[in-house]
Amino acid sequence: MTPNPQANNPLHGITLETIVIHLVDHFGWETLGGIIDIRCFNFDPSVKSSLTFLRKTPWARQRVEELYLQTLDQ
């Protein structure tokens, strides 16, 4: 039996939409946009527009995922 390569990945099974909703619930759009200064968080923010941008922008997605993991440690 081969080990699960995702066993140590804390984001395994968590959708990007879940992450964005969690961060918005935790911080609100205004604070989230201050922490991660990207247009989709600061100008007419929505989960849909954020998901579209984050799926196309690896550096922004990485920052969002890292922030999500930090909120879980609190």
PDB file of N, CA and C in Angstrom:
ATOM      1  N   MET A   1       0.845  -1.184   0.000  1.00  0.00           N
ATOM      2  CA  MET A   1       0.000   0.000   0.000  1.00  0.00           C
ATOM      3  C   MET A   1       0.885   1.240   0.000  1.00  0.00           C
ATOM      4  N   THR A   2       0.623   2.164  -0.913  1.00  0.00           N
ATOM      5  CA  THR A   2       1.423   3.382  -0.994  1.00  0.00           C
ATOM      6  C   THR A   2       0.850   4.450  -0.071  1.00  0.00           C
ATOM      7  N   PRO A   3       1.720   5.237   0.555  1.00  0.00           N
ATOM      8  CA  PRO A   3       1.234   6.288   1.442  1.00  0.00           C
ATOM      9  C   PRO A   3       0.550   7.404   0.652  1.00  0.00           C
ATOM     10  N   ASN A   4      -0.362   8.088   1.285  1.00  0.00           N
ATOM     11  CA  ASN A   4      -1.078   9.195   0.670  1.00  0.00           C
ATOM     12  C   ASN A   4      -0.136  10.392   0.560  1.00  0.00           C
ATOM     13  N   PRO A   5       0.164  10.866  -0.655  1.00  0.00           N
ATOM     14  CA  PRO A   5       1.085  11.993  -0.799  1.00  0.00           C
ATOM     15  C   PRO A   5       0.520  13.290  -0.227  1.00  0.00           C
ATOM     16  N   GLN A   6      -0.781  13.351  -0.010  1.00  0.00           N
ATOM     17  CA  GLN A   6      -1.408  14.557   0.542  1.00  0.00           C
ATOM     18  C   GLN A   6      -1.561  14.492   2.066  1.00  0.00           C
ATOM     19  N   ALA A   7      -1.078  13.451   2.695  1.00  0.00           N
ATOM     20  CA  ALA A   7      -1.304  13.255   4.128  1.00  0.00           C
ATOM     21  C   ALA A   7      -0.813  14.422   4.978  1.00  0.00           C
ATOM     22  N   ASN A   8       0.260  15.066   4.570  1.00  0.00           N
ATOM     23  CA  ASN A   8       0.800  16.177   5.353  1.00  0.00           C
ATOM     24  C   ASN A   8       0.402  17.542   4.807  1.00  0.00           C
ATOM     25  N   ASN A   9      -0.495  17.577   3.850  1.00  0.00           N
ATOM     26  CA  ASN A   9      -0.948  18.836   3.272  1.00  0.00           C
ATOM     27  C   ASN A   9      -2.182  19.314   4.029  1.00  0.00           C
ATOM     28  N   PRO A  10      -2.057  20.380   4.830  1.00  0.00           N
ATOM     29  CA  PRO A  10      -3.209  20.841   5.625  1.00  0.00           C
ATOM     30  C   PRO A  10      -4.341  21.415   4.770  1.00  0.00           C
ATOM     31  N   LEU A  11      -4.070  21.713   3.507  1.00  0.00           N
ATOM     32  CA  LEU A  11      -5.106  22.257   2.634  1.00  0.00           C
ATOM     33  C   LEU A  11      -5.816  21.182   1.822  1.00  0.00           C
ATOM     34  N   HIS A  12      -5.367  19.931   1.955  1.00  0.00           N
ATOM     35  CA  HIS A  12      -5.975  18.848   1.179  1.00  0.00           C
ATOM     36  C   HIS A  12      -7.459  18.729   1.506  1.00  0.00           C
ATOM     37  N   GLY A  13      -8.275  18.764   0.473  1.00  0.00           N
ATOM     38  CA  GLY A  13      -9.714  18.613   0.642  1.00  0.00           C
ATOM     39  C   GLY A  13     -10.453  19.904   0.945  1.00  0.00           C
ATOM     40  N   ILE A  14      -9.735  21.024   1.045  1.00  0.00           N
ATOM     41  CA  ILE A  14     -10.363  22.311   1.336  1.00  0.00           C
ATOM     42  C   ILE A  14     -10.385  23.123   0.044  1.00  0.00           C
ATOM     43  N   THR A  15     -11.569  23.562  -0.357  1.00  0.00           N
ATOM     44  CA  THR A  15     -11.675  24.304  -1.617  1.00  0.00           C
ATOM     45  C   THR A  15     -11.230  25.747  -1.427  1.00  0.00           C
ATOM     46  N   LEU A  16     -10.831  26.355  -2.520  1.00  0.00           N
ATOM     47  CA  LEU A  16     -10.444  27.764  -2.497  1.00  0.00           C
ATOM     48  C   LEU A  16     -11.625  28.627  -2.057  1.00  0.00           C
ATOM     49  N   GLU A  17     -12.813  28.255  -2.460  1.00  0.00           N
ATOM     50  CA  GLU A  17     -14.009  28.997  -2.051  1.00  0.00           C
ATOM     51  C   GLU A  17     -14.176  28.946  -0.527  1.00  0.00           C
ATOM     52  N   THR A  18     -13.973  27.801   0.070  1.00  0.00           N
ATOM     53  CA  THR A  18     -14.055  27.668   1.528  1.00  0.00           C
ATOM     54  C   THR A  18     -13.031  28.573   2.202  1.00  0.00           C
ATOM     55  N   ILE A  19     -11.836  28.624   1.647  1.00  0.00           N
ATOM     56  CA  ILE A  19     -10.768  29.453   2.216  1.00  0.00           C
ATOM     57  C   ILE A  19     -11.147  30.930   2.151  1.00  0.00           C
ATOM     58  N   VAL A  20     -11.622  31.385   0.991  1.00  0.00           N
ATOM     59  CA  VAL A  20     -11.990  32.796   0.837  1.00  0.00           C
ATOM     60  C   VAL A  20     -13.136  33.156   1.774  1.00  0.00           C
ATOM     61  N   ILE A  21     -14.150  32.327   1.841  1.00  0.00           N
ATOM     62  CA  ILE A  21     -15.290  32.601   2.730  1.00  0.00           C
ATOM     63  C   ILE A  21     -14.834  32.654   4.186  1.00  0.00           C
ATOM     64  N   HIS A  22     -13.968  31.734   4.583  1.00  0.00           N
ATOM     65  CA  HIS A  22     -13.440  31.733   5.948  1.00  0.00           C
ATOM     66  C   HIS A  22     -12.708  33.047   6.242  1.00  0.00           C
ATOM     67  N   LEU A  23     -11.857  33.478   5.316  1.00  0.00           N
ATOM     68  CA  LEU A  23     -11.086  34.700   5.538  1.00  0.00           C
ATOM     69  C   LEU A  23     -11.984  35.935   5.597  1.00  0.00           C
ATOM     70  N   VAL A  24     -13.006  35.984   4.755  1.00  0.00           N
ATOM     71  CA  VAL A  24     -13.934  37.111   4.781  1.00  0.00           C
ATOM     72  C   VAL A  24     -14.718  37.115   6.093  1.00  0.00           C
ATOM     73  N   ASP A  25     -15.150  35.953   6.541  1.00  0.00           N
ATOM     74  CA  ASP A  25     -15.858  35.865   7.824  1.00  0.00           C
ATOM     75  C   ASP A  25     -14.944  36.261   8.974  1.00  0.00           C
ATOM     76  N   HIS A  26     -13.682  35.888   8.881  1.00  0.00           N
ATOM     77  CA  HIS A  26     -12.714  36.150   9.954  1.00  0.00           C
ATOM     78  C   HIS A  26     -12.283  37.618   9.994  1.00  0.00           C
ATOM     79  N   PHE A  27     -11.982  38.196   8.835  1.00  0.00           N
ATOM     80  CA  PHE A  27     -11.414  39.546   8.780  1.00  0.00           C
ATOM     81  C   PHE A  27     -12.368  40.605   8.240  1.00  0.00           C
ATOM     82  N   GLY A  28     -13.258  40.231   7.341  1.00  0.00           N
ATOM     83  CA  GLY A  28     -14.041  41.210   6.584  1.00  0.00           C
ATOM     84  C   GLY A  28     -13.251  41.631   5.360  1.00  0.00           C
ATOM     85  N   TRP A  29     -13.956  42.130   4.335  1.00  0.00           N
ATOM     86  CA  TRP A  29     -13.284  42.484   3.085  1.00  0.00           C
ATOM     87  C   TRP A  29     -12.254  43.589   3.278  1.00  0.00           C
ATOM     88  N   GLU A  30     -12.604  44.615   4.053  1.00  0.00           N
ATOM     89  CA  GLU A  30     -11.709  45.768   4.192  1.00  0.00           C
ATOM     90  C   GLU A  30     -10.378  45.375   4.831  1.00  0.00           C
ATOM     91  N   THR A  31     -10.433  44.636   5.916  1.00  0.00           N
ATOM     92  CA  THR A  31      -9.206  44.200   6.591  1.00  0.00           C
ATOM     93  C   THR A  31      -8.441  43.209   5.722  1.00  0.00           C
ATOM     94  N   LEU A  32      -9.158  42.295   5.085  1.00  0.00           N
ATOM     95  CA  LEU A  32      -8.508  41.321   4.208  1.00  0.00           C
ATOM     96  C   LEU A  32      -7.770  42.034   3.078  1.00  0.00           C
ATOM     97  N   GLY A  33      -8.390  43.066   2.512  1.00  0.00           N
ATOM     98  CA  GLY A  33      -7.748  43.846   1.456  1.00  0.00           C
ATOM     99  C   GLY A  33      -6.540  44.616   1.940  1.00  0.00           C
ATOM    100  N   GLY A  34      -6.519  44.952   3.224  1.00  0.00           N
ATOM    101  CA  GLY A  34      -5.347  45.606   3.801  1.00  0.00           C
ATOM    102  C   GLY A  34      -4.203  44.629   4.029  1.00  0.00           C
ATOM    103  N   ILE A  35      -4.546  43.415   4.389  1.00  0.00           N
ATOM    104  CA  ILE A  35      -3.523  42.387   4.634  1.00  0.00           C
ATOM    105  C   ILE A  35      -2.933  41.897   3.320  1.00  0.00           C
ATOM    106  N   ILE A  36      -3.803  41.601   2.367  1.00  0.00           N
ATOM    107  CA  ILE A  36      -3.367  41.148   1.037  1.00  0.00           C
ATOM    108  C   ILE A  36      -3.933  42.156   0.045  1.00  0.00           C
ATOM    109  N   ASP A  37      -3.085  43.065  -0.409  1.00  0.00           N
ATOM    110  CA  ASP A  37      -3.523  44.186  -1.237  1.00  0.00           C
ATOM    111  C   ASP A  37      -3.678  43.762  -2.693  1.00  0.00           C
ATOM    112  N   ILE A  38      -4.835  43.168  -2.972  1.00  0.00           N
ATOM    113  CA  ILE A  38      -5.163  42.819  -4.352  1.00  0.00           C
ATOM    114  C   ILE A  38      -6.531  43.415  -4.677  1.00  0.00           C
ATOM    115  N   ARG A  39      -6.682  43.804  -5.915  1.00  0.00           N
ATOM    116  CA  ARG A  39      -7.867  44.535  -6.362  1.00  0.00           C
ATOM    117  C   ARG A  39      -9.176  43.813  -6.033  1.00  0.00           C
ATOM    118  N   CYS A  40      -9.209  42.514  -6.212  1.00  0.00           N
ATOM    119  CA  CYS A  40     -10.477  41.794  -6.005  1.00  0.00           C
ATOM    120  C   CYS A  40     -10.932  41.809  -4.543  1.00  0.00           C
ATOM    121  N   PHE A  41     -10.037  42.181  -3.610  1.00  0.00           N
ATOM    122  CA  PHE A  41     -10.426  42.320  -2.205  1.00  0.00           C
ATOM    123  C   PHE A  41     -10.765  43.765  -1.855  1.00  0.00           C
ATOM    124  N   ASN A  42     -10.302  44.716  -2.670  1.00  0.00           N
ATOM    125  CA  ASN A  42     -10.437  46.132  -2.322  1.00  0.00           C
ATOM    126  C   ASN A  42     -11.460  46.906  -3.133  1.00  0.00           C
ATOM    127  N   PHE A  43     -11.796  46.460  -4.327  1.00  0.00           N
ATOM    128  CA  PHE A  43     -12.728  47.184  -5.173  1.00  0.00           C
ATOM    129  C   PHE A  43     -13.872  46.266  -5.573  1.00  0.00           C
ATOM    130  N   ASP A  44     -15.060  46.583  -5.060  1.00  0.00           N
ATOM    131  CA  ASP A  44     -16.260  45.788  -5.338  1.00  0.00           C
ATOM    132  C   ASP A  44     -16.005  44.300  -5.104  1.00  0.00           C
ATOM    133  N   PRO A  45     -15.589  43.949  -3.887  1.00  0.00           N
ATOM    134  CA  PRO A  45     -15.201  42.557  -3.621  1.00  0.00           C
ATOM    135  C   PRO A  45     -16.385  41.596  -3.634  1.00  0.00           C
ATOM    136  N   SER A  46     -16.111  40.404  -4.123  1.00  0.00           N
ATOM    137  CA  SER A  46     -17.073  39.314  -4.053  1.00  0.00           C
ATOM    138  C   SER A  46     -16.293  38.008  -4.050  1.00  0.00           C
ATOM    139  N   VAL A  47     -16.920  36.976  -3.549  1.00  0.00           N
ATOM    140  CA  VAL A  47     -16.267  35.669  -3.541  1.00  0.00           C
ATOM    141  C   VAL A  47     -16.001  35.241  -4.979  1.00  0.00           C
ATOM    142  N   LYS A  48     -16.964  35.442  -5.863  1.00  0.00           N
ATOM    143  CA  LYS A  48     -16.820  35.002  -7.255  1.00  0.00           C
ATOM    144  C   LYS A  48     -15.634  35.694  -7.937  1.00  0.00           C
ATOM    145  N   SER A  49     -15.535  37.017  -7.818  1.00  0.00           N
ATOM    146  CA  SER A  49     -14.426  37.725  -8.476  1.00  0.00           C
ATOM    147  C   SER A  49     -13.089  37.323  -7.861  1.00  0.00           C
ATOM    148  N   SER A  50     -13.077  37.087  -6.560  1.00  0.00           N
ATOM    149  CA  SER A  50     -11.848  36.667  -5.894  1.00  0.00           C
ATOM    150  C   SER A  50     -11.398  35.298  -6.383  1.00  0.00           C
ATOM    151  N   LEU A  51     -12.337  34.375  -6.510  1.00  0.00           N
ATOM    152  CA  LEU A  51     -11.992  33.034  -6.982  1.00  0.00           C
ATOM    153  C   LEU A  51     -11.443  33.075  -8.403  1.00  0.00           C
ATOM    154  N   THR A  52     -12.048  33.878  -9.255  1.00  0.00           N
ATOM    155  CA  THR A  52     -11.576  34.003 -10.632  1.00  0.00           C
ATOM    156  C   THR A  52     -10.133  34.493 -10.659  1.00  0.00           C
ATOM    157  N   PHE A  53      -9.844  35.543  -9.881  1.00  0.00           N
ATOM    158  CA  PHE A  53      -8.493  36.091  -9.843  1.00  0.00           C
ATOM    159  C   PHE A  53      -7.503  35.110  -9.227  1.00  0.00           C
ATOM    160  N   LEU A  54      -7.855  34.535  -8.101  1.00  0.00           N
ATOM    161  CA  LEU A  54      -6.921  33.667  -7.382  1.00  0.00           C
ATOM    162  C   LEU A  54      -6.594  32.397  -8.166  1.00  0.00           C
ATOM    163  N   ARG A  55      -7.530  31.899  -8.927  1.00  0.00           N
ATOM    164  CA  ARG A  55      -7.268  30.699  -9.729  1.00  0.00           C
ATOM    165  C   ARG A  55      -6.269  30.968 -10.854  1.00  0.00           C
ATOM    166  N   LYS A  56      -6.175  32.240 -11.288  1.00  0.00           N
ATOM    167  CA  LYS A  56      -5.270  32.597 -12.377  1.00  0.00           C
ATOM    168  C   LYS A  56      -3.945  33.181 -11.888  1.00  0.00           C
ATOM    169  N   THR A  57      -3.834  33.426 -10.578  1.00  0.00           N
ATOM    170  CA  THR A  57      -2.686  34.159 -10.057  1.00  0.00           C
ATOM    171  C   THR A  57      -2.039  33.376  -8.910  1.00  0.00           C
ATOM    172  N   PRO A  58      -1.063  32.538  -9.230  1.00  0.00           N
ATOM    173  CA  PRO A  58      -0.470  31.656  -8.211  1.00  0.00           C
ATOM    174  C   PRO A  58       0.107  32.374  -6.989  1.00  0.00           C
ATOM    175  N   TRP A  59       0.778  33.522  -7.176  1.00  0.00           N
ATOM    176  CA  TRP A  59       1.376  34.207  -6.021  1.00  0.00           C
ATOM    177  C   TRP A  59       0.293  34.706  -5.061  1.00  0.00           C
ATOM    178  N   ALA A  60      -0.821  35.179  -5.591  1.00  0.00           N
ATOM    179  CA  ALA A  60      -1.908  35.671  -4.740  1.00  0.00           C
ATOM    180  C   ALA A  60      -2.593  34.509  -4.033  1.00  0.00           C
ATOM    181  N   ARG A  61      -2.793  33.427  -4.749  1.00  0.00           N
ATOM    182  CA  ARG A  61      -3.413  32.246  -4.135  1.00  0.00           C
ATOM    183  C   ARG A  61      -2.548  31.720  -2.989  1.00  0.00           C
ATOM    184  N   GLN A  62      -1.232  31.723  -3.185  1.00  0.00           N
ATOM    185  CA  GLN A  62      -0.326  31.257  -2.137  1.00  0.00           C
ATOM    186  C   GLN A  62      -0.444  32.136  -0.888  1.00  0.00           C
ATOM    187  N   ARG A  63      -0.513  33.438  -1.076  1.00  0.00           N
ATOM    188  CA  ARG A  63      -0.653  34.337   0.080  1.00  0.00           C
ATOM    189  C   ARG A  63      -1.970  34.107   0.813  1.00  0.00           C
ATOM    190  N   VAL A  64      -3.042  33.886   0.054  1.00  0.00           N
ATOM    191  CA  VAL A  64      -4.356  33.625   0.653  1.00  0.00           C
ATOM    192  C   VAL A  64      -4.327  32.310   1.430  1.00  0.00           C
ATOM    193  N   GLU A  65      -3.730  31.276   0.844  1.00  0.00           N
ATOM    194  CA  GLU A  65      -3.645  29.981   1.530  1.00  0.00           C
ATOM    195  C   GLU A  65      -2.797  30.084   2.786  1.00  0.00           C
ATOM    196  N   GLU A  66      -1.693  30.825   2.737  1.00  0.00           N
ATOM    197  CA  GLU A  66      -0.838  30.998   3.921  1.00  0.00           C
ATOM    198  C   GLU A  66      -1.578  31.744   5.027  1.00  0.00           C
ATOM    199  N   LEU A  67      -2.322  32.776   4.659  1.00  0.00           N
ATOM    200  CA  LEU A  67      -3.097  33.524   5.650  1.00  0.00           C
ATOM    201  C   LEU A  67      -4.164  32.629   6.275  1.00  0.00           C
ATOM    202  N   TYR A  68      -4.801  31.820   5.459  1.00  0.00           N
ATOM    203  CA  TYR A  68      -5.805  30.876   5.967  1.00  0.00           C
ATOM    204  C   TYR A  68      -5.191  29.942   7.013  1.00  0.00           C
ATOM    205  N   LEU A  69      -4.030  29.397   6.705  1.00  0.00           N
ATOM    206  CA  LEU A  69      -3.363  28.489   7.646  1.00  0.00           C
ATOM    207  C   LEU A  69      -2.986  29.225   8.934  1.00  0.00           C
ATOM    208  N   GLN A  70      -2.593  30.477   8.830  1.00  0.00           N
ATOM    209  CA  GLN A  70      -2.275  31.253  10.031  1.00  0.00           C
ATOM    210  C   GLN A  70      -3.502  31.442  10.900  1.00  0.00           C
ATOM    211  N   THR A  71      -4.665  31.644  10.292  1.00  0.00           N
ATOM    212  CA  THR A  71      -5.881  31.844  11.083  1.00  0.00           C
ATOM    213  C   THR A  71      -6.274  30.559  11.808  1.00  0.00           C
ATOM    214  N   LEU A  72      -5.906  29.410  11.251  1.00  0.00           N
ATOM    215  CA  LEU A  72      -6.222  28.140  11.913  1.00  0.00           C
ATOM    216  C   LEU A  72      -5.351  27.920  13.131  1.00  0.00           C
ATOM    217  N   ASP A  73      -4.146  28.495  13.123  1.00  0.00           N
ATOM    218  CA  ASP A  73      -3.205  28.328  14.237  1.00  0.00           C
ATOM    219  C   ASP A  73      -3.572  29.189  15.430  1.00  0.00           C
ATOM    220  N   GLN A  74      -4.449  30.158  15.242  1.00  0.00           N
ATOM    221  CA  GLN A  74      -4.788  31.096  16.321  1.00  0.00           C
ATOM    222  C   GLN A  74      -5.742  30.482  17.309  1.00  0.00           C
TER     223      GLN A  74
END
